[in-house]
PDB file of N, CA and C in Angstrom:
ATOM      1  N   UNK A   1       0.827  -1.217   0.009  1.00  0.00           N
ATOM      2  CA  UNK A   1      -0.002  -0.001  -0.004  1.00  0.00           C
ATOM      3  C   UNK A   1       0.867   1.248  -0.006  1.00  0.00           C
ATOM      4  N   UNK A   2       2.123   1.158   0.419  1.00  0.00           N
ATOM      5  CA  UNK A   2       3.001   2.327   0.381  1.00  0.00           C
ATOM      6  C   UNK A   2       3.164   2.863  -1.047  1.00  0.00           C
ATOM      7  N   UNK A   3       3.097   1.976  -2.018  1.00  0.00           N
ATOM      8  CA  UNK A   3       3.228   2.408  -3.427  1.00  0.00           C
ATOM      9  C   UNK A   3       1.992   3.072  -3.982  1.00  0.00           C
ATOM     10  N   UNK A   4       0.919   3.073  -3.197  1.00  0.00           N
ATOM     11  CA  UNK A   4      -0.388   3.625  -3.652  1.00  0.00           C
ATOM     12  C   UNK A   4      -0.486   5.143  -3.322  1.00  0.00           C
ATOM     13  N   UNK A   5       0.549   5.735  -2.792  1.00  0.00           N
ATOM     14  CA  UNK A   5       0.560   7.147  -2.456  1.00  0.00           C
ATOM     15  C   UNK A   5       0.194   7.953  -3.728  1.00  0.00           C
ATOM     16  N   UNK A   6      -0.766   8.859  -3.619  1.00  0.00           N
ATOM     17  CA  UNK A   6      -1.200   9.685  -4.721  1.00  0.00           C
ATOM     18  C   UNK A   6      -2.141   9.019  -5.669  1.00  0.00           C
ATOM     19  N   UNK A   7      -2.541   7.806  -5.374  1.00  0.00           N
ATOM     20  CA  UNK A   7      -3.540   7.073  -6.185  1.00  0.00           C
ATOM     21  C   UNK A   7      -4.809   6.920  -5.395  1.00  0.00           C
ATOM     22  N   UNK A   8      -5.822   6.411  -5.992  1.00  0.00           N
ATOM     23  CA  UNK A   8      -7.108   6.261  -5.317  1.00  0.00           C
ATOM     24  C   UNK A   8      -7.670   4.833  -5.444  1.00  0.00           C
ATOM     25  N   UNK A   9      -7.002   3.878  -4.733  1.00  0.00           N
ATOM     26  CA  UNK A   9      -7.521   2.505  -4.818  1.00  0.00           C
ATOM     27  C   UNK A   9      -8.918   2.429  -4.213  1.00  0.00           C
ATOM     28  N   UNK A  10      -9.696   1.454  -4.701  1.00  0.00           N
ATOM     29  CA  UNK A  10     -11.025   1.266  -4.141  1.00  0.00           C
ATOM     30  C   UNK A  10     -11.001   0.529  -2.855  1.00  0.00           C
ATOM     31  N   UNK A  11     -12.117   0.510  -2.151  1.00  0.00           N
ATOM     32  CA  UNK A  11     -12.227  -0.128  -0.845  1.00  0.00           C
ATOM     33  C   UNK A  11     -11.904  -1.623  -0.910  1.00  0.00           C
ATOM     34  N   UNK A  12     -12.355  -2.309  -1.963  1.00  0.00           N
ATOM     35  CA  UNK A  12     -12.099  -3.758  -2.105  1.00  0.00           C
ATOM     36  C   UNK A  12     -10.605  -3.980  -2.276  1.00  0.00           C
ATOM     37  N   UNK A  13      -9.996  -3.192  -3.093  1.00  0.00           N
ATOM     38  CA  UNK A  13      -8.542  -3.339  -3.320  1.00  0.00           C
ATOM     39  C   UNK A  13      -7.713  -3.080  -2.034  1.00  0.00           C
ATOM     40  N   UNK A  14      -8.115  -2.050  -1.300  1.00  0.00           N
ATOM     41  CA  UNK A  14      -7.420  -1.765  -0.037  1.00  0.00           C
ATOM     42  C   UNK A  14      -7.579  -2.879   0.958  1.00  0.00           C
ATOM     43  N   UNK A  15      -8.796  -3.353   1.107  1.00  0.00           N
ATOM     44  CA  UNK A  15      -9.099  -4.433   2.030  1.00  0.00           C
ATOM     45  C   UNK A  15      -8.249  -5.689   1.712  1.00  0.00           C
ATOM     46  N   UNK A  16      -8.226  -6.048   0.468  1.00  0.00           N
ATOM     47  CA  UNK A  16      -7.457  -7.230   0.045  1.00  0.00           C
ATOM     48  C   UNK A  16      -5.951  -7.018   0.185  1.00  0.00           C
ATOM     49  N   UNK A  17      -5.481  -5.872  -0.210  1.00  0.00           N
ATOM     50  CA  UNK A  17      -4.052  -5.558  -0.078  1.00  0.00           C
ATOM     51  C   UNK A  17      -3.590  -5.587   1.340  1.00  0.00           C
ATOM     52  N   UNK A  18      -4.409  -5.199   2.252  1.00  0.00           N
ATOM     53  CA  UNK A  18      -4.059  -5.220   3.658  1.00  0.00           C
ATOM     54  C   UNK A  18      -3.985  -6.626   4.246  1.00  0.00           C
ATOM     55  N   UNK A  19      -4.611  -7.566   3.555  1.00  0.00           N
ATOM     56  CA  UNK A  19      -4.538  -8.985   3.977  1.00  0.00           C
ATOM     57  C   UNK A  19      -3.266  -9.639   3.503  1.00  0.00           C
ATOM     58  N   UNK A  20      -2.780  -9.198   2.316  1.00  0.00           N
ATOM     59  CA  UNK A  20      -1.568  -9.796   1.741  1.00  0.00           C
ATOM     60  C   UNK A  20      -0.355  -9.550   2.632  1.00  0.00           C
ATOM     61  N   UNK A  21       0.490 -10.539   2.736  1.00  0.00           N
ATOM     62  CA  UNK A  21       1.775 -10.361   3.401  1.00  0.00           C
ATOM     63  C   UNK A  21       2.700  -9.596   2.471  1.00  0.00           C
ATOM     64  N   UNK A  22       3.758  -9.067   2.964  1.00  0.00           N
ATOM     65  CA  UNK A  22       4.686  -8.235   2.161  1.00  0.00           C
ATOM     66  C   UNK A  22       5.183  -8.964   0.914  1.00  0.00           C
ATOM     67  N   UNK A  23       5.305 -10.298   0.999  1.00  0.00           N
ATOM     68  CA  UNK A  23       5.807 -11.050  -0.157  1.00  0.00           C
ATOM     69  C   UNK A  23       4.683 -11.682  -0.974  1.00  0.00           C
ATOM     70  N   UNK A  24       3.448 -11.465  -0.592  1.00  0.00           N
ATOM     71  CA  UNK A  24       2.285 -11.951  -1.364  1.00  0.00           C
ATOM     72  C   UNK A  24       2.019 -13.440  -1.271  1.00  0.00           C
ATOM     73  N   UNK A  25       2.711 -14.148  -0.344  1.00  0.00           N
ATOM     74  CA  UNK A  25       2.589 -15.576  -0.288  1.00  0.00           C
ATOM     75  C   UNK A  25       1.214 -16.035   0.210  1.00  0.00           C
ATOM     76  N   UNK A  26       0.469 -15.187   0.834  1.00  0.00           N
ATOM     77  CA  UNK A  26      -0.869 -15.628   1.311  1.00  0.00           C
ATOM     78  C   UNK A  26      -1.984 -15.083   0.441  1.00  0.00           C
ATOM     79  N   UNK A  27      -1.723 -14.875  -0.829  1.00  0.00           N
ATOM     80  CA  UNK A  27      -2.714 -14.362  -1.778  1.00  0.00           C
ATOM     81  C   UNK A  27      -3.958 -15.227  -1.790  1.00  0.00           C
ATOM     82  N   UNK A  28      -3.829 -16.499  -1.482  1.00  0.00           N
ATOM     83  CA  UNK A  28      -4.985 -17.440  -1.546  1.00  0.00           C
ATOM     84  C   UNK A  28      -5.876 -17.331  -0.305  1.00  0.00           C
ATOM     85  N   UNK A  29      -5.527 -16.415   0.592  1.00  0.00           N
ATOM     86  CA  UNK A  29      -6.375 -16.232   1.791  1.00  0.00           C
ATOM     87  C   UNK A  29      -7.340 -15.060   1.707  1.00  0.00           C
ATOM     88  N   UNK A  30      -7.378 -14.425   0.524  1.00  0.00           N
ATOM     89  CA  UNK A  30      -8.308 -13.321   0.313  1.00  0.00           C
ATOM     90  C   UNK A  30      -9.707 -13.944   0.354  1.00  0.00           C
ATOM     91  N   UNK A  31     -10.563 -13.427   1.251  1.00  0.00           N
ATOM     92  CA  UNK A  31     -11.926 -14.049   1.328  1.00  0.00           C
ATOM     93  C   UNK A  31     -12.805 -13.664   0.142  1.00  0.00           C
ATOM     94  N   UNK A  32     -13.749 -14.520  -0.137  1.00  0.00           N
ATOM     95  CA  UNK A  32     -14.720 -14.238  -1.207  1.00  0.00           C
ATOM     96  C   UNK A  32     -15.435 -12.949  -0.857  1.00  0.00           C
ATOM     97  N   UNK A  33     -15.526 -12.040  -1.812  1.00  0.00           N
ATOM     98  CA  UNK A  33     -16.179 -10.737  -1.606  1.00  0.00           C
ATOM     99  C   UNK A  33     -17.549 -10.714  -2.317  1.00  0.00           C
ATOM    100  N   UNK A  34     -18.567 -10.931  -1.570  1.00  0.00           N
ATOM    101  CA  UNK A  34     -19.905 -11.036  -2.158  1.00  0.00           C
ATOM    102  C   UNK A  34     -20.341  -9.834  -2.972  1.00  0.00           C
ATOM    103  N   UNK A  35     -19.897  -8.666  -2.593  1.00  0.00           N
ATOM    104  CA  UNK A  35     -20.311  -7.417  -3.255  1.00  0.00           C
ATOM    105  C   UNK A  35     -19.191  -6.740  -4.034  1.00  0.00           C
ATOM    106  N   UNK A  36     -18.093  -7.416  -4.293  1.00  0.00           N
ATOM    107  CA  UNK A  36     -16.957  -6.793  -5.001  1.00  0.00           C
ATOM    108  C   UNK A  36     -17.219  -6.669  -6.493  1.00  0.00           C
ATOM    109  N   UNK A  37     -16.811  -5.587  -7.050  1.00  0.00           N
ATOM    110  CA  UNK A  37     -16.820  -5.423  -8.498  1.00  0.00           C
ATOM    111  C   UNK A  37     -15.488  -5.843  -9.098  1.00  0.00           C
ATOM    112  N   UNK A  38     -15.111  -5.247 -10.171  1.00  0.00           N
ATOM    113  CA  UNK A  38     -13.864  -5.686 -10.815  1.00  0.00           C
ATOM    114  C   UNK A  38     -13.043  -4.589 -11.433  1.00  0.00           C
ATOM    115  N   UNK A  39     -13.265  -3.349 -11.084  1.00  0.00           N
ATOM    116  CA  UNK A  39     -12.595  -2.235 -11.658  1.00  0.00           C
ATOM    117  C   UNK A  39     -11.079  -2.296 -11.424  1.00  0.00           C
ATOM    118  N   UNK A  40     -10.671  -2.502 -10.181  1.00  0.00           N
ATOM    119  CA  UNK A  40      -9.271  -2.550  -9.879  1.00  0.00           C
ATOM    120  C   UNK A  40      -8.618  -3.768 -10.514  1.00  0.00           C
ATOM    121  N   UNK A  41      -9.303  -4.864 -10.535  1.00  0.00           N
ATOM    122  CA  UNK A  41      -8.779  -6.095 -11.122  1.00  0.00           C
ATOM    123  C   UNK A  41      -8.572  -5.884 -12.633  1.00  0.00           C
ATOM    124  N   UNK A  42      -9.494  -5.256 -13.274  1.00  0.00           N
ATOM    125  CA  UNK A  42      -9.393  -5.057 -14.750  1.00  0.00           C
ATOM    126  C   UNK A  42      -8.352  -4.020 -15.093  1.00  0.00           C
ATOM    127  N   UNK A  43      -8.152  -3.013 -14.213  1.00  0.00           N
ATOM    128  CA  UNK A  43      -7.200  -1.958 -14.549  1.00  0.00           C
ATOM    129  C   UNK A  43      -5.776  -2.475 -14.628  1.00  0.00           C
ATOM    130  N   UNK A  44      -5.445  -3.490 -13.855  1.00  0.00           N
ATOM    131  CA  UNK A  44      -4.080  -3.970 -13.907  1.00  0.00           C
ATOM    132  C   UNK A  44      -3.889  -5.169 -14.819  1.00  0.00           C
ATOM    133  N   UNK A  45      -4.922  -5.598 -15.556  1.00  0.00           N
ATOM    134  CA  UNK A  45      -4.833  -6.817 -16.319  1.00  0.00           C
ATOM    135  C   UNK A  45      -4.384  -6.596 -17.784  1.00  0.00           C
ATOM    136  N   UNK A  46      -4.371  -5.387 -18.246  1.00  0.00           N
ATOM    137  CA  UNK A  46      -4.002  -5.163 -19.629  1.00  0.00           C
ATOM    138  C   UNK A  46      -2.578  -5.708 -19.922  1.00  0.00           C
ATOM    139  N   UNK A  47      -1.686  -5.519 -18.968  1.00  0.00           N
ATOM    140  CA  UNK A  47      -0.305  -6.022 -19.178  1.00  0.00           C
ATOM    141  C   UNK A  47      -0.271  -7.551 -19.360  1.00  0.00           C
ATOM    142  N   UNK A  48      -1.231  -8.260 -18.812  1.00  0.00           N
ATOM    143  CA  UNK A  48      -1.313  -9.694 -18.980  1.00  0.00           C
ATOM    144  C   UNK A  48      -1.615 -10.012 -20.459  1.00  0.00           C
ATOM    145  N   UNK A  49      -2.492  -9.244 -21.055  1.00  0.00           N
ATOM    146  CA  UNK A  49      -2.802  -9.397 -22.484  1.00  0.00           C
ATOM    147  C   UNK A  49      -1.617  -9.056 -23.343  1.00  0.00           C
ATOM    148  N   UNK A  50      -0.791  -8.104 -22.909  1.00  0.00           N
ATOM    149  CA  UNK A  50       0.425  -7.781 -23.666  1.00  0.00           C
ATOM    150  C   UNK A  50       1.417  -8.928 -23.580  1.00  0.00           C
ATOM    151  N   UNK A  51       1.538  -9.583 -22.463  1.00  0.00           N
ATOM    152  CA  UNK A  51       2.506 -10.652 -22.255  1.00  0.00           C
ATOM    153  C   UNK A  51       2.082 -11.970 -22.883  1.00  0.00           C
ATOM    154  N   UNK A  52       0.792 -12.257 -22.856  1.00  0.00           N
ATOM    155  CA  UNK A  52       0.282 -13.553 -23.325  1.00  0.00           C
ATOM    156  C   UNK A  52      -0.723 -13.383 -24.494  1.00  0.00           C
ATOM    157  N   UNK A  53      -0.442 -12.621 -25.482  1.00  0.00           N
ATOM    158  CA  UNK A  53      -1.413 -12.471 -26.571  1.00  0.00           C
ATOM    159  C   UNK A  53      -1.699 -13.729 -27.413  1.00  0.00           C
ATOM    160  N   UNK A  54      -0.735 -14.642 -27.427  1.00  0.00           N
ATOM    161  CA  UNK A  54      -0.867 -15.856 -28.237  1.00  0.00           C
ATOM    162  C   UNK A  54      -0.998 -17.121 -27.428  1.00  0.00           C
ATOM    163  N   UNK A  55      -1.206 -16.988 -26.123  1.00  0.00           N
ATOM    164  CA  UNK A  55      -1.307 -18.156 -25.258  1.00  0.00           C
ATOM    165  C   UNK A  55      -2.599 -18.029 -24.436  1.00  0.00           C
ATOM    166  N   UNK A  56      -3.693 -18.469 -25.040  1.00  0.00           N
ATOM    167  CA  UNK A  56      -5.040 -18.315 -24.453  1.00  0.00           C
ATOM    168  C   UNK A  56      -5.131 -18.913 -23.052  1.00  0.00           C
ATOM    169  N   UNK A  57      -4.508 -20.097 -22.907  1.00  0.00           N
ATOM    170  CA  UNK A  57      -4.603 -20.782 -21.612  1.00  0.00           C
ATOM    171  C   UNK A  57      -3.938 -19.999 -20.509  1.00  0.00           C
ATOM    172  N   UNK A  58      -2.732 -19.542 -20.743  1.00  0.00           N
ATOM    173  CA  UNK A  58      -1.971 -18.765 -19.701  1.00  0.00           C
ATOM    174  C   UNK A  58      -2.649 -17.426 -19.474  1.00  0.00           C
ATOM    175  N   UNK A  59      -3.135 -16.774 -20.521  1.00  0.00           N
ATOM    176  CA  UNK A  59      -3.828 -15.501 -20.380  1.00  0.00           C
ATOM    177  C   UNK A  59      -5.028 -15.705 -19.419  1.00  0.00           C
ATOM    178  N   UNK A  60      -5.811 -16.759 -19.658  1.00  0.00           N
ATOM    179  CA  UNK A  60      -6.952 -17.023 -18.788  1.00  0.00           C
ATOM    180  C   UNK A  60      -6.530 -17.298 -17.344  1.00  0.00           C
ATOM    181  N   UNK A  61      -5.554 -18.158 -17.154  1.00  0.00           N
ATOM    182  CA  UNK A  61      -5.103 -18.554 -15.810  1.00  0.00           C
ATOM    183  C   UNK A  61      -4.572 -17.341 -15.048  1.00  0.00           C
ATOM    184  N   UNK A  62      -3.658 -16.603 -15.660  1.00  0.00           N
ATOM    185  CA  UNK A  62      -2.998 -15.515 -14.987  1.00  0.00           C
ATOM    186  C   UNK A  62      -3.950 -14.358 -14.707  1.00  0.00           C
ATOM    187  N   UNK A  63      -4.842 -14.053 -15.670  1.00  0.00           N
ATOM    188  CA  UNK A  63      -5.770 -12.947 -15.428  1.00  0.00           C
ATOM    189  C   UNK A  63      -6.769 -13.274 -14.353  1.00  0.00           C
ATOM    190  N   UNK A  64      -7.257 -14.500 -14.311  1.00  0.00           N
ATOM    191  CA  UNK A  64      -8.186 -14.902 -13.266  1.00  0.00           C
ATOM    192  C   UNK A  64      -7.529 -14.809 -11.895  1.00  0.00           C
ATOM    193  N   UNK A  65      -6.328 -15.387 -11.771  1.00  0.00           N
ATOM    194  CA  UNK A  65      -5.664 -15.320 -10.472  1.00  0.00           C
ATOM    195  C   UNK A  65      -5.276 -13.905 -10.069  1.00  0.00           C
ATOM    196  N   UNK A  66      -4.901 -13.112 -11.070  1.00  0.00           N
ATOM    197  CA  UNK A  66      -4.587 -11.710 -10.760  1.00  0.00           C
ATOM    198  C   UNK A  66      -5.849 -10.971 -10.247  1.00  0.00           C
ATOM    199  N   UNK A  67      -6.967 -11.169 -10.883  1.00  0.00           N
ATOM    200  CA  UNK A  67      -8.203 -10.575 -10.467  1.00  0.00           C
ATOM    201  C   UNK A  67      -8.625 -11.061  -9.097  1.00  0.00           C
ATOM    202  N   UNK A  68      -8.437 -12.353  -8.843  1.00  0.00           N
ATOM    203  CA  UNK A  68      -8.810 -12.953  -7.560  1.00  0.00           C
ATOM    204  C   UNK A  68      -7.997 -12.403  -6.396  1.00  0.00           C
ATOM    205  N   UNK A  69      -6.774 -11.994  -6.678  1.00  0.00           N
ATOM    206  CA  UNK A  69      -5.892 -11.523  -5.590  1.00  0.00           C
ATOM    207  C   UNK A  69      -6.512 -10.360  -4.840  1.00  0.00           C
ATOM    208  N   UNK A  70      -7.209  -9.448  -5.546  1.00  0.00           N
ATOM    209  CA  UNK A  70      -7.808  -8.326  -4.822  1.00  0.00           C
ATOM    210  C   UNK A  70      -9.322  -8.305  -4.948  1.00  0.00           C
ATOM    211  N   UNK A  71      -9.893  -8.938  -5.937  1.00  0.00           N
ATOM    212  CA  UNK A  71     -11.334  -8.870  -6.173  1.00  0.00           C
ATOM    213  C   UNK A  71     -11.874 -10.313  -6.300  1.00  0.00           C
ATOM    214  N   UNK A  72     -11.960 -10.972  -5.170  1.00  0.00           N
ATOM    215  CA  UNK A  72     -12.352 -12.381  -5.128  1.00  0.00           C
ATOM    216  C   UNK A  72     -13.889 -12.503  -5.305  1.00  0.00           C
ATOM    217  N   UNK A  73     -14.298 -12.341  -6.564  1.00  0.00           N
ATOM    218  CA  UNK A  73     -15.700 -12.339  -6.916  1.00  0.00           C
ATOM    219  C   UNK A  73     -15.767 -12.566  -8.422  1.00  0.00           C
ATOM    220  N   UNK A  74     -16.749 -13.263  -8.957  1.00  0.00           N
ATOM    221  CA  UNK A  74     -16.843 -13.484 -10.391  1.00  0.00           C
ATOM    222  C   UNK A  74     -16.758 -12.205 -11.251  1.00  0.00           C
ATOM    223  N   UNK A  75     -17.257 -11.118 -10.753  1.00  0.00           N
ATOM    224  CA  UNK A  75     -17.135  -9.849 -11.523  1.00  0.00           C
ATOM    225  C   UNK A  75     -15.673  -9.425 -11.586  1.00  0.00           C
ATOM    226  N   UNK A  76     -14.962  -9.639 -10.518  1.00  0.00           N
ATOM    227  CA  UNK A  76     -13.524  -9.318 -10.533  1.00  0.00           C
ATOM    228  C   UNK A  76     -12.753 -10.168 -11.502  1.00  0.00           C
ATOM    229  N   UNK A  77     -13.053 -11.495 -11.493  1.00  0.00           N
ATOM    230  CA  UNK A  77     -12.378 -12.428 -12.399  1.00  0.00           C
ATOM    231  C   UNK A  77     -12.701 -12.028 -13.866  1.00  0.00           C
ATOM    232  N   UNK A  78     -13.989 -11.767 -14.093  1.00  0.00           N
ATOM    233  CA  UNK A  78     -14.391 -11.480 -15.497  1.00  0.00           C
ATOM    234  C   UNK A  78     -13.810 -10.175 -15.976  1.00  0.00           C
ATOM    235  N   UNK A  79     -13.814  -9.148 -15.099  1.00  0.00           N
ATOM    236  CA  UNK A  79     -13.223  -7.880 -15.458  1.00  0.00           C
ATOM    237  C   UNK A  79     -11.703  -7.990 -15.780  1.00  0.00           C
ATOM    238  N   UNK A  80     -11.015  -8.772 -15.037  1.00  0.00           N
ATOM    239  CA  UNK A  80      -9.584  -8.984 -15.277  1.00  0.00           C
ATOM    240  C   UNK A  80      -9.395  -9.774 -16.583  1.00  0.00           C
ATOM    241  N   UNK A  81     -10.167 -10.848 -16.744  1.00  0.00           N
ATOM    242  CA  UNK A  81     -10.025 -11.656 -17.958  1.00  0.00           C
ATOM    243  C   UNK A  81     -10.333 -10.887 -19.242  1.00  0.00           C
ATOM    244  N   UNK A  82     -11.417 -10.153 -19.233  1.00  0.00           N
ATOM    245  CA  UNK A  82     -11.836  -9.435 -20.430  1.00  0.00           C
ATOM    246  C   UNK A  82     -10.838  -8.331 -20.759  1.00  0.00           C
ATOM    247  N   UNK A  83     -10.348  -7.635 -19.762  1.00  0.00           N
ATOM    248  CA  UNK A  83      -9.335  -6.619 -20.012  1.00  0.00           C
ATOM    249  C   UNK A  83      -8.084  -7.207 -20.670  1.00  0.00           C
ATOM    250  N   UNK A  84      -7.629  -8.337 -20.085  1.00  0.00           N
ATOM    251  CA  UNK A  84      -6.427  -8.994 -20.665  1.00  0.00           C
ATOM    252  C   UNK A  84      -6.736  -9.493 -22.048  1.00  0.00           C
ATOM    253  N   UNK A  85      -7.870 -10.149 -22.235  1.00  0.00           N
ATOM    254  CA  UNK A  85      -8.210 -10.705 -23.552  1.00  0.00           C
ATOM    255  C   UNK A  85      -8.376  -9.624 -24.592  1.00  0.00           C
ATOM    256  N   UNK A  86      -9.059  -8.517 -24.295  1.00  0.00           N
ATOM    257  CA  UNK A  86      -9.237  -7.476 -25.275  1.00  0.00           C
ATOM    258  C   UNK A  86      -7.900  -6.792 -25.616  1.00  0.00           C
ATOM    259  N   UNK A  87      -7.004  -6.715 -24.643  1.00  0.00           N
ATOM    260  CA  UNK A  87      -5.676  -6.210 -24.942  1.00  0.00           C
ATOM    261  C   UNK A  87      -4.918  -7.134 -25.886  1.00  0.00           C
ATOM    262  N   UNK A  88      -5.058  -8.466 -25.692  1.00  0.00           N
ATOM    263  CA  UNK A  88      -4.457  -9.428 -26.573  1.00  0.00           C
ATOM    264  C   UNK A  88      -5.057  -9.303 -27.963  1.00  0.00           C
ATOM    265  N   UNK A  89      -6.370  -9.079 -28.075  1.00  0.00           N
ATOM    266  CA  UNK A  89      -7.006  -8.868 -29.374  1.00  0.00           C
ATOM    267  C   UNK A  89      -6.377  -7.683 -30.072  1.00  0.00           C
ATOM    268  N   UNK A  90      -6.139  -6.605 -29.329  1.00  0.00           N
ATOM    269  CA  UNK A  90      -5.551  -5.403 -29.923  1.00  0.00           C
ATOM    270  C   UNK A  90      -4.145  -5.706 -30.423  1.00  0.00           C
ATOM    271  N   UNK A  91      -3.336  -6.435 -29.648  1.00  0.00           N
ATOM    272  CA  UNK A  91      -1.992  -6.807 -30.064  1.00  0.00           C
ATOM    273  C   UNK A  91      -2.053  -7.619 -31.359  1.00  0.00           C
ATOM    274  N   UNK A  92      -3.043  -8.492 -31.459  1.00  0.00           N
ATOM    275  CA  UNK A  92      -3.187  -9.351 -32.634  1.00  0.00           C
ATOM    276  C   UNK A  92      -3.875  -8.625 -33.792  1.00  0.00           C
ATOM    277  N   UNK A  93      -4.154  -7.343 -33.580  1.00  0.00           N
ATOM    278  CA  UNK A  93      -4.794  -6.479 -34.595  1.00  0.00           C
ATOM    279  C   UNK A  93      -6.140  -6.984 -35.044  1.00  0.00           C
ATOM    280  N   UNK A  94      -6.907  -7.527 -34.094  1.00  0.00           N
ATOM    281  CA  UNK A  94      -8.284  -7.896 -34.373  1.00  0.00           C
ATOM    282  C   UNK A  94      -9.113  -6.652 -34.225  1.00  0.00           C
ATOM    283  N   UNK A  95      -9.952  -6.379 -35.174  1.00  0.00           N
ATOM    284  CA  UNK A  95     -10.764  -5.160 -35.154  1.00  0.00           C
ATOM    285  C   UNK A  95     -11.696  -5.144 -33.951  1.00  0.00           C
ATOM    286  N   UNK A  96     -11.792  -4.011 -33.275  1.00  0.00           N
ATOM    287  CA  UNK A  96     -12.643  -3.922 -32.067  1.00  0.00           C
ATOM    288  C   UNK A  96     -14.055  -4.330 -32.261  1.00  0.00           C
ATOM    289  N   UNK A  97     -14.595  -4.175 -33.491  1.00  0.00           N
ATOM    290  CA  UNK A  97     -15.986  -4.579 -33.763  1.00  0.00           C
ATOM    291  C   UNK A  97     -16.147  -6.080 -33.582  1.00  0.00           C
ATOM    292  N   UNK A  98     -15.089  -6.876 -33.634  1.00  0.00           N
ATOM    293  CA  UNK A  98     -15.154  -8.316 -33.512  1.00  0.00           C
ATOM    294  C   UNK A  98     -14.959  -8.812 -32.084  1.00  0.00           C
ATOM    295  N   UNK A  99     -14.488  -7.961 -31.184  1.00  0.00           N
ATOM    296  CA  UNK A  99     -14.112  -8.407 -29.871  1.00  0.00           C
ATOM    297  C   UNK A  99     -15.257  -9.057 -29.069  1.00  0.00           C
ATOM    298  N   UNK A 100     -16.393  -8.435 -29.035  1.00  0.00           N
ATOM    299  CA  UNK A 100     -17.493  -8.935 -28.248  1.00  0.00           C
ATOM    300  C   UNK A 100     -17.994 -10.277 -28.787  1.00  0.00           C
ATOM    301  N   UNK A 101     -18.147 -10.417 -30.093  1.00  0.00           N
ATOM    302  CA  UNK A 101     -18.619 -11.634 -30.683  1.00  0.00           C
ATOM    303  C   UNK A 101     -17.622 -12.771 -30.461  1.00  0.00           C
ATOM    304  N   UNK A 102     -16.311 -12.459 -30.544  1.00  0.00           N
ATOM    305  CA  UNK A 102     -15.286 -13.476 -30.234  1.00  0.00           C
ATOM    306  C   UNK A 102     -15.355 -13.899 -28.744  1.00  0.00           C
ATOM    307  N   UNK A 103     -15.501 -12.921 -27.888  1.00  0.00           N
ATOM    308  CA  UNK A 103     -15.597 -13.254 -26.486  1.00  0.00           C
ATOM    309  C   UNK A 103     -16.736 -14.187 -26.186  1.00  0.00           C
ATOM    310  N   UNK A 104     -17.897 -13.889 -26.769  1.00  0.00           N
ATOM    311  CA  UNK A 104     -19.100 -14.704 -26.482  1.00  0.00           C
ATOM    312  C   UNK A 104     -19.119 -16.044 -27.222  1.00  0.00           C
ATOM    313  N   UNK A 105     -18.522 -16.115 -28.386  1.00  0.00           N
ATOM    314  CA  UNK A 105     -18.615 -17.360 -29.158  1.00  0.00           C
ATOM    315  C   UNK A 105     -17.433 -18.299 -28.918  1.00  0.00           C
ATOM    316  N   UNK A 106     -16.240 -17.754 -28.809  1.00  0.00           N
ATOM    317  CA  UNK A 106     -15.052 -18.608 -28.675  1.00  0.00           C
ATOM    318  C   UNK A 106     -14.545 -18.722 -27.232  1.00  0.00           C
ATOM    319  N   UNK A 107     -14.587 -17.625 -26.477  1.00  0.00           N
ATOM    320  CA  UNK A 107     -13.946 -17.616 -25.180  1.00  0.00           C
ATOM    321  C   UNK A 107     -14.888 -17.815 -24.027  1.00  0.00           C
ATOM    322  N   UNK A 108     -16.156 -17.550 -24.202  1.00  0.00           N
ATOM    323  CA  UNK A 108     -17.187 -17.790 -23.172  1.00  0.00           C
ATOM    324  C   UNK A 108     -18.395 -18.400 -23.846  1.00  0.00           C
ATOM    325  N   UNK A 109     -18.247 -19.589 -24.439  1.00  0.00           N
ATOM    326  CA  UNK A 109     -19.361 -20.187 -25.182  1.00  0.00           C
ATOM    327  C   UNK A 109     -20.540 -20.551 -24.277  1.00  0.00           C
TER     328      UNK A 109
END
């Protein structure tokens, strides 16, 4: 949280970050958040799409776990996954008009 000076993290992100140990080894102890959204999870997921644009399996795994770290809720997972996936689509030069139909037909059938 020291690195968050001058930023405005959301309440869910702050709550989860305060549970994490300094080395992040207890990331799996973040409790399920019944009312959590996914804004913070999705904001940091674009870099995952940049790193894994051609590896659908790793992109899915890493983005879901990244979202779960602070936003342990299906909306958090989905926000993180979609942000990473759409970034990967951009890297692969897929036209934005195709992104939603690809998401619904191929990635979330």
